Amino acid sequence: QFQEAFGVKPDGVVGPQTGYRLLTSDPADP
């Protein structure tokens, strides 16, 4: 669901693109 929302292929695998999106989705998250 996160991948779909952030424009990454929703394959259910955290690779470099998904990891980048996870780490940059909320700048306020410590």
PDB file of all heavy atoms in Angstrom:
ATOM      1  N   GLN A   1       0.835  -1.201   0.000  1.00  0.00           N
ATOM      2  CA  GLN A   1       0.000   0.000   0.000  1.00  0.00           C
ATOM      3  C   GLN A   1       0.872   1.253   0.000  1.00  0.00           C
ATOM      4  O   GLN A   1       0.582   2.214  -0.703  1.00  0.00           O
ATOM      5  CB  GLN A   1      -0.933  -0.005   1.214  1.00  0.00           C
ATOM      6  CG  GLN A   1      -2.007  -1.047   1.126  1.00  0.00           C
ATOM      7  CD  GLN A   1      -2.817  -1.147   2.413  1.00  0.00           C
ATOM      8  OE1 GLN A   1      -2.392  -0.726   3.481  1.00  0.00           O
ATOM      9  NE2 GLN A   1      -3.998  -1.741   2.317  1.00  0.00           N
ATOM     10  N   PHE A   2       1.933   1.221   0.796  1.00  0.00           N
ATOM     11  CA  PHE A   2       2.876   2.339   0.838  1.00  0.00           C
ATOM     12  C   PHE A   2       3.511   2.540  -0.533  1.00  0.00           C
ATOM     13  O   PHE A   2       3.591   3.660  -1.037  1.00  0.00           O
ATOM     14  CB  PHE A   2       3.949   2.073   1.905  1.00  0.00           C
ATOM     15  CG  PHE A   2       4.956   3.163   2.039  1.00  0.00           C
ATOM     16  CD1 PHE A   2       4.768   4.188   2.957  1.00  0.00           C
ATOM     17  CD2 PHE A   2       6.104   3.173   1.259  1.00  0.00           C
ATOM     18  CE1 PHE A   2       5.701   5.205   3.094  1.00  0.00           C
ATOM     19  CE2 PHE A   2       7.041   4.187   1.378  1.00  0.00           C
ATOM     20  CZ  PHE A   2       6.848   5.210   2.300  1.00  0.00           C
ATOM     21  N   GLN A   3       3.954   1.448  -1.152  1.00  0.00           N
ATOM     22  CA  GLN A   3       4.579   1.541  -2.472  1.00  0.00           C
ATOM     23  C   GLN A   3       3.620   2.145  -3.500  1.00  0.00           C
ATOM     24  O   GLN A   3       4.023   2.997  -4.290  1.00  0.00           O
ATOM     25  CB  GLN A   3       5.050   0.149  -2.931  1.00  0.00           C
ATOM     26  CG  GLN A   3       6.251  -0.359  -2.163  1.00  0.00           C
ATOM     27  CD  GLN A   3       6.597  -1.801  -2.507  1.00  0.00           C
ATOM     28  OE1 GLN A   3       5.724  -2.663  -2.630  1.00  0.00           O
ATOM     29  NE2 GLN A   3       7.883  -2.067  -2.659  1.00  0.00           N
ATOM     30  N   GLU A   4       2.379   1.701  -3.499  1.00  0.00           N
ATOM     31  CA  GLU A   4       1.395   2.249  -4.434  1.00  0.00           C
ATOM     32  C   GLU A   4       1.218   3.746  -4.224  1.00  0.00           C
ATOM     33  O   GLU A   4       1.169   4.514  -5.178  1.00  0.00           O
ATOM     34  CB  GLU A   4       0.049   1.535  -4.275  1.00  0.00           C
ATOM     35  CG  GLU A   4       0.025   0.130  -4.823  1.00  0.00           C
ATOM     36  CD  GLU A   4      -1.289  -0.584  -4.565  1.00  0.00           C
ATOM     37  OE1 GLU A   4      -2.229   0.025  -4.004  1.00  0.00           O
ATOM     38  OE2 GLU A   4      -1.388  -1.775  -4.922  1.00  0.00           O
ATOM     39  N   ALA A   5       1.128   4.169  -2.968  1.00  0.00           N
ATOM     40  CA  ALA A   5       0.914   5.580  -2.651  1.00  0.00           C
ATOM     41  C   ALA A   5       2.099   6.450  -3.052  1.00  0.00           C
ATOM     42  O   ALA A   5       1.931   7.619  -3.392  1.00  0.00           O
ATOM     43  CB  ALA A   5       0.629   5.743  -1.159  1.00  0.00           C
ATOM     44  N   PHE A   6       3.304   5.874  -3.040  1.00  0.00           N
ATOM     45  CA  PHE A   6       4.503   6.656  -3.328  1.00  0.00           C
ATOM     46  C   PHE A   6       5.084   6.379  -4.713  1.00  0.00           C
ATOM     47  O   PHE A   6       6.219   6.743  -5.004  1.00  0.00           O
ATOM     48  CB  PHE A   6       5.555   6.435  -2.237  1.00  0.00           C
ATOM     49  CG  PHE A   6       5.215   7.171  -0.968  1.00  0.00           C
ATOM     50  CD1 PHE A   6       4.391   6.596  -0.025  1.00  0.00           C
ATOM     51  CD2 PHE A   6       5.695   8.453  -0.749  1.00  0.00           C
ATOM     52  CE1 PHE A   6       4.051   7.285   1.134  1.00  0.00           C
ATOM     53  CE2 PHE A   6       5.362   9.154   0.402  1.00  0.00           C
ATOM     54  CZ  PHE A   6       4.537   8.562   1.345  1.00  0.00           C
ATOM     55  N   GLY A   7       4.292   5.744  -5.578  1.00  0.00           N
ATOM     56  CA  GLY A   7       4.700   5.568  -6.970  1.00  0.00           C
ATOM     57  C   GLY A   7       5.823   4.584  -7.209  1.00  0.00           C
ATOM     58  O   GLY A   7       6.576   4.712  -8.170  1.00  0.00           O
ATOM     59  N   VAL A   8       5.916   3.580  -6.343  1.00  0.00           N
ATOM     60  CA  VAL A   8       6.925   2.530  -6.509  1.00  0.00           C
ATOM     61  C   VAL A   8       6.183   1.241  -6.854  1.00  0.00           C
ATOM     62  O   VAL A   8       5.075   1.007  -6.366  1.00  0.00           O
ATOM     63  CB  VAL A   8       7.741   2.333  -5.198  1.00  0.00           C
ATOM     64  CG1 VAL A   8       8.784   1.255  -5.360  1.00  0.00           C
ATOM     65  CG2 VAL A   8       8.390   3.642  -4.771  1.00  0.00           C
ATOM     66  N   LYS A   9       6.777   0.417  -7.700  1.00  0.00           N
ATOM     67  CA  LYS A   9       6.158  -0.851  -8.071  1.00  0.00           C
ATOM     68  C   LYS A   9       5.773  -1.608  -6.797  1.00  0.00           C
ATOM     69  O   LYS A   9       6.626  -1.897  -5.956  1.00  0.00           O
ATOM     70  CB  LYS A   9       7.124  -1.689  -8.899  1.00  0.00           C
ATOM     71  CG  LYS A   9       6.585  -3.027  -9.325  1.00  0.00           C
ATOM     72  CD  LYS A   9       7.614  -3.813 -10.115  1.00  0.00           C
ATOM     73  CE  LYS A   9       7.098  -5.190 -10.435  1.00  0.00           C
ATOM     74  NZ  LYS A   9       8.133  -6.002 -11.084  1.00  0.00           N
ATOM     75  N   PRO A  10       4.481  -1.940  -6.630  1.00  0.00           N
ATOM     76  CA  PRO A  10       4.014  -2.584  -5.395  1.00  0.00           C
ATOM     77  C   PRO A  10       4.321  -4.081  -5.344  1.00  0.00           C
ATOM     78  O   PRO A  10       3.433  -4.931  -5.337  1.00  0.00           O
ATOM     79  CB  PRO A  10       2.508  -2.320  -5.405  1.00  0.00           C
ATOM     80  CG  PRO A  10       2.161  -2.242  -6.846  1.00  0.00           C
ATOM     81  CD  PRO A  10       3.364  -1.619  -7.523  1.00  0.00           C
ATOM     82  N   ASP A  11       5.611  -4.398  -5.280  1.00  0.00           N
ATOM     83  CA  ASP A  11       6.029  -5.798  -5.277  1.00  0.00           C
ATOM     84  C   ASP A  11       6.213  -6.370  -3.877  1.00  0.00           C
ATOM     85  O   ASP A  11       6.495  -7.555  -3.718  1.00  0.00           O
ATOM     86  CB  ASP A  11       7.310  -5.974  -6.090  1.00  0.00           C
ATOM     87  CG  ASP A  11       8.467  -5.132  -5.578  1.00  0.00           C
ATOM     88  OD1 ASP A  11       8.338  -4.464  -4.524  1.00  0.00           O
ATOM     89  OD2 ASP A  11       9.522  -5.136  -6.241  1.00  0.00           O
ATOM     90  N   GLY A  12       6.062  -5.545  -2.842  1.00  0.00           N
ATOM     91  CA  GLY A  12       6.210  -6.033  -1.476  1.00  0.00           C
ATOM     92  C   GLY A  12       7.638  -6.317  -1.075  1.00  0.00           C
ATOM     93  O   GLY A  12       7.885  -7.059  -0.123  1.00  0.00           O
ATOM     94  N   VAL A  13       8.591  -5.716  -1.774  1.00  0.00           N
ATOM     95  CA  VAL A  13      10.012  -5.896  -1.469  1.00  0.00           C
ATOM     96  C   VAL A  13      10.632  -4.524  -1.233  1.00  0.00           C
ATOM     97  O   VAL A  13      10.400  -3.590  -2.010  1.00  0.00           O
ATOM     98  CB  VAL A  13      10.749  -6.613  -2.630  1.00  0.00           C
ATOM     99  CG1 VAL A  13      12.249  -6.666  -2.389  1.00  0.00           C
ATOM    100  CG2 VAL A  13      10.188  -8.017  -2.826  1.00  0.00           C
ATOM    101  N   VAL A  14      11.413  -4.407  -0.174  1.00  0.00           N
ATOM    102  CA  VAL A  14      12.132  -3.162   0.082  1.00  0.00           C
ATOM    103  C   VAL A  14      13.492  -3.265  -0.591  1.00  0.00           C
ATOM    104  O   VAL A  14      14.397  -3.920  -0.105  1.00  0.00           O
ATOM    105  CB  VAL A  14      12.312  -2.886   1.591  1.00  0.00           C
ATOM    106  CG1 VAL A  14      13.067  -1.575   1.803  1.00  0.00           C
ATOM    107  CG2 VAL A  14      10.975  -2.849   2.293  1.00  0.00           C
ATOM    108  N   GLY A  15      13.578  -2.649  -1.765  1.00  0.00           N
ATOM    109  CA  GLY A  15      14.836  -2.482  -2.470  1.00  0.00           C
ATOM    110  C   GLY A  15      15.244  -1.027  -2.350  1.00  0.00           C
ATOM    111  O   GLY A  15      14.656  -0.268  -1.563  1.00  0.00           O
ATOM    112  N   PRO A  16      16.225  -0.576  -3.129  1.00  0.00           N
ATOM    113  CA  PRO A  16      16.709   0.807  -3.006  1.00  0.00           C
ATOM    114  C   PRO A  16      15.650   1.879  -3.202  1.00  0.00           C
ATOM    115  O   PRO A  16      15.621   2.851  -2.440  1.00  0.00           O
ATOM    116  CB  PRO A  16      17.795   0.893  -4.074  1.00  0.00           C
ATOM    117  CG  PRO A  16      18.286  -0.506  -4.234  1.00  0.00           C
ATOM    118  CD  PRO A  16      17.066  -1.362  -4.032  1.00  0.00           C
ATOM    119  N   GLN A  17      14.771   1.749  -4.178  1.00  0.00           N
ATOM    120  CA  GLN A  17      13.774   2.789  -4.409  1.00  0.00           C
ATOM    121  C   GLN A  17      12.744   2.852  -3.280  1.00  0.00           C
ATOM    122  O   GLN A  17      12.386   3.933  -2.807  1.00  0.00           O
ATOM    123  CB  GLN A  17      13.080   2.589  -5.762  1.00  0.00           C
ATOM    124  CG  GLN A  17      14.010   2.783  -6.940  1.00  0.00           C
ATOM    125  CD  GLN A  17      14.706   4.142  -6.918  1.00  0.00           C
ATOM    126  OE1 GLN A  17      14.092   5.174  -6.684  1.00  0.00           O
ATOM    127  NE2 GLN A  17      16.009   4.143  -7.140  1.00  0.00           N
ATOM    128  N   THR A  18      12.270   1.694  -2.845  1.00  0.00           N
ATOM    129  CA  THR A  18      11.311   1.674  -1.739  1.00  0.00           C
ATOM    130  C   THR A  18      11.984   2.142  -0.452  1.00  0.00           C
ATOM    131  O   THR A  18      11.393   2.896   0.325  1.00  0.00           O
ATOM    132  CB  THR A  18      10.708   0.273  -1.558  1.00  0.00           C
ATOM    133  OG1 THR A  18       9.993  -0.073  -2.749  1.00  0.00           O
ATOM    134  CG2 THR A  18       9.768   0.213  -0.370  1.00  0.00           C
ATOM    135  N   GLY A  19      13.218   1.703  -0.216  1.00  0.00           N
ATOM    136  CA  GLY A  19      13.943   2.150   0.971  1.00  0.00           C
ATOM    137  C   GLY A  19      14.089   3.659   1.006  1.00  0.00           C
ATOM    138  O   GLY A  19      13.893   4.300   2.039  1.00  0.00           O
ATOM    139  N   TYR A  20      14.410   4.237  -0.152  1.00  0.00           N
ATOM    140  CA  TYR A  20      14.524   5.697  -0.244  1.00  0.00           C
ATOM    141  C   TYR A  20      13.194   6.361   0.108  1.00  0.00           C
ATOM    142  O   TYR A  20      13.156   7.325   0.869  1.00  0.00           O
ATOM    143  CB  TYR A  20      14.975   6.096  -1.653  1.00  0.00           C
ATOM    144  CG  TYR A  20      15.024   7.584  -1.855  1.00  0.00           C
ATOM    145  CD1 TYR A  20      16.097   8.328  -1.374  1.00  0.00           C
ATOM    146  CD2 TYR A  20      13.995   8.246  -2.510  1.00  0.00           C
ATOM    147  CE1 TYR A  20      16.139   9.711  -1.543  1.00  0.00           C
ATOM    148  CE2 TYR A  20      14.022   9.618  -2.686  1.00  0.00           C
ATOM    149  CZ  TYR A  20      15.106  10.345  -2.204  1.00  0.00           C
ATOM    150  OH  TYR A  20      15.140  11.708  -2.364  1.00  0.00           O
ATOM    151  N   ARG A  21      12.103   5.840  -0.443  1.00  0.00           N
ATOM    152  CA  ARG A  21      10.777   6.423  -0.163  1.00  0.00           C
ATOM    153  C   ARG A  21      10.423   6.282   1.320  1.00  0.00           C
ATOM    154  O   ARG A  21       9.867   7.199   1.914  1.00  0.00           O
ATOM    155  CB  ARG A  21       9.694   5.763  -1.011  1.00  0.00           C
ATOM    156  CG  ARG A  21       9.845   5.984  -2.479  1.00  0.00           C
ATOM    157  CD  ARG A  21       9.483   7.409  -2.842  1.00  0.00           C
ATOM    158  NE  ARG A  21       9.417   7.517  -4.282  1.00  0.00           N
ATOM    159  CZ  ARG A  21       9.949   8.510  -4.969  1.00  0.00           C
ATOM    160  NH1 ARG A  21      10.563   9.488  -4.353  1.00  0.00           N
ATOM    161  NH2 ARG A  21       9.864   8.541  -6.272  1.00  0.00           N
ATOM    162  N   LEU A  22      10.735   5.134   1.903  1.00  0.00           N
ATOM    163  CA  LEU A  22      10.466   4.945   3.324  1.00  0.00           C
ATOM    164  C   LEU A  22      11.246   5.955   4.172  1.00  0.00           C
ATOM    165  O   LEU A  22      10.723   6.500   5.139  1.00  0.00           O
ATOM    166  CB  LEU A  22      10.821   3.522   3.763  1.00  0.00           C
ATOM    167  CG  LEU A  22       9.871   2.413   3.314  1.00  0.00           C
ATOM    168  CD1 LEU A  22      10.526   1.052   3.463  1.00  0.00           C
ATOM    169  CD2 LEU A  22       8.561   2.456   4.099  1.00  0.00           C
ATOM    170  N   LEU A  23      12.481   6.201   3.797  1.00  0.00           N
ATOM    171  CA  LEU A  23      13.336   7.080   4.590  1.00  0.00           C
ATOM    172  C   LEU A  23      13.085   8.565   4.349  1.00  0.00           C
ATOM    173  O   LEU A  23      13.602   9.404   5.085  1.00  0.00           O
ATOM    174  CB  LEU A  23      14.812   6.766   4.313  1.00  0.00           C
ATOM    175  CG  LEU A  23      15.289   5.441   4.894  1.00  0.00           C
ATOM    176  CD1 LEU A  23      16.673   5.088   4.352  1.00  0.00           C
ATOM    177  CD2 LEU A  23      15.299   5.487   6.412  1.00  0.00           C
ATOM    178  N   THR A  24      12.297   8.891   3.340  1.00  0.00           N
ATOM    179  CA  THR A  24      12.059  10.307   3.031  1.00  0.00           C
ATOM    180  C   THR A  24      10.572  10.673   3.042  1.00  0.00           C
ATOM    181  O   THR A  24      10.224  11.787   2.662  1.00  0.00           O
ATOM    182  CB  THR A  24      12.660  10.678   1.662  1.00  0.00           C
ATOM    183  OG1 THR A  24      12.065   9.856   0.643  1.00  0.00           O
ATOM    184  CG2 THR A  24      14.164  10.503   1.648  1.00  0.00           C
ATOM    185  N   SER A  25       9.716   9.783   3.484  1.00  0.00           N
ATOM    186  CA  SER A  25       8.276  10.048   3.423  1.00  0.00           C
ATOM    187  C   SER A  25       7.803  11.052   4.470  1.00  0.00           C
ATOM    188  O   SER A  25       6.788  11.693   4.284  1.00  0.00           O
ATOM    189  CB  SER A  25       7.483   8.743   3.566  1.00  0.00           C
ATOM    190  OG  SER A  25       7.681   8.171   4.845  1.00  0.00           O
ATOM    191  N   ASP A  26       8.538  11.187   5.572  1.00  0.00           N
ATOM    192  CA  ASP A  26       8.125  12.123   6.629  1.00  0.00           C
ATOM    193  C   ASP A  26       9.366  12.705   7.302  1.00  0.00           C
ATOM    194  O   ASP A  26       9.940  12.074   8.188  1.00  0.00           O
ATOM    195  CB  ASP A  26       7.254  11.410   7.663  1.00  0.00           C
ATOM    196  CG  ASP A  26       6.774  12.339   8.770  1.00  0.00           C
ATOM    197  OD1 ASP A  26       7.096  13.546   8.744  1.00  0.00           O
ATOM    198  OD2 ASP A  26       6.067  11.848   9.670  1.00  0.00           O
ATOM    199  N   PRO A  27       9.786  13.895   6.903  1.00  0.00           N
ATOM    200  CA  PRO A  27      10.988  14.502   7.484  1.00  0.00           C
ATOM    201  C   PRO A  27      10.916  14.700   8.997  1.00  0.00           C
ATOM    202  O   PRO A  27      11.948  14.807   9.646  1.00  0.00           O
ATOM    203  CB  PRO A  27      11.095  15.852   6.780  1.00  0.00           C
ATOM    204  CG  PRO A  27      10.232  15.759   5.582  1.00  0.00           C
ATOM    205  CD  PRO A  27       9.180  14.729   5.883  1.00  0.00           C
ATOM    206  N   ALA A  28       9.722  14.724   9.569  1.00  0.00           N
ATOM    207  CA  ALA A  28       9.585  14.921  11.012  1.00  0.00           C
ATOM    208  C   ALA A  28       9.791  13.623  11.804  1.00  0.00           C
ATOM    209  O   ALA A  28       9.946  13.661  13.020  1.00  0.00           O
ATOM    210  CB  ALA A  28       8.221  15.504  11.336  1.00  0.00           C
ATOM    211  N   ASP A  29       9.793  12.485  11.126  1.00  0.00           N
ATOM    212  CA  ASP A  29       9.955  11.197  11.807  1.00  0.00           C
ATOM    213  C   ASP A  29      11.424  11.001  12.163  1.00  0.00           C
ATOM    214  O   ASP A  29      12.277  10.938  11.279  1.00  0.00           O
ATOM    215  CB  ASP A  29       9.468  10.071  10.893  1.00  0.00           C
ATOM    216  CG  ASP A  29       9.479   8.702  11.562  1.00  0.00           C
ATOM    217  OD1 ASP A  29      10.105   8.543  12.628  1.00  0.00           O
ATOM    218  OD2 ASP A  29       8.860   7.783  11.008  1.00  0.00           O
ATOM    219  N   PRO A  30      11.764  10.870  13.451  1.00  0.00           N
ATOM    220  CA  PRO A  30      13.170  10.749  13.846  1.00  0.00           C
ATOM    221  C   PRO A  30      13.840   9.449  13.393  1.00  0.00           C
ATOM    222  O   PRO A  30      15.069   9.349  13.426  1.00  0.00           O
ATOM    223  CB  PRO A  30      13.120  10.830  15.378  1.00  0.00           C
ATOM    224  CG  PRO A  30      11.746  10.385  15.736  1.00  0.00           C
ATOM    225  CD  PRO A  30      10.869  10.836  14.603  1.00  0.00           C
TER     226      PRO A  30
END
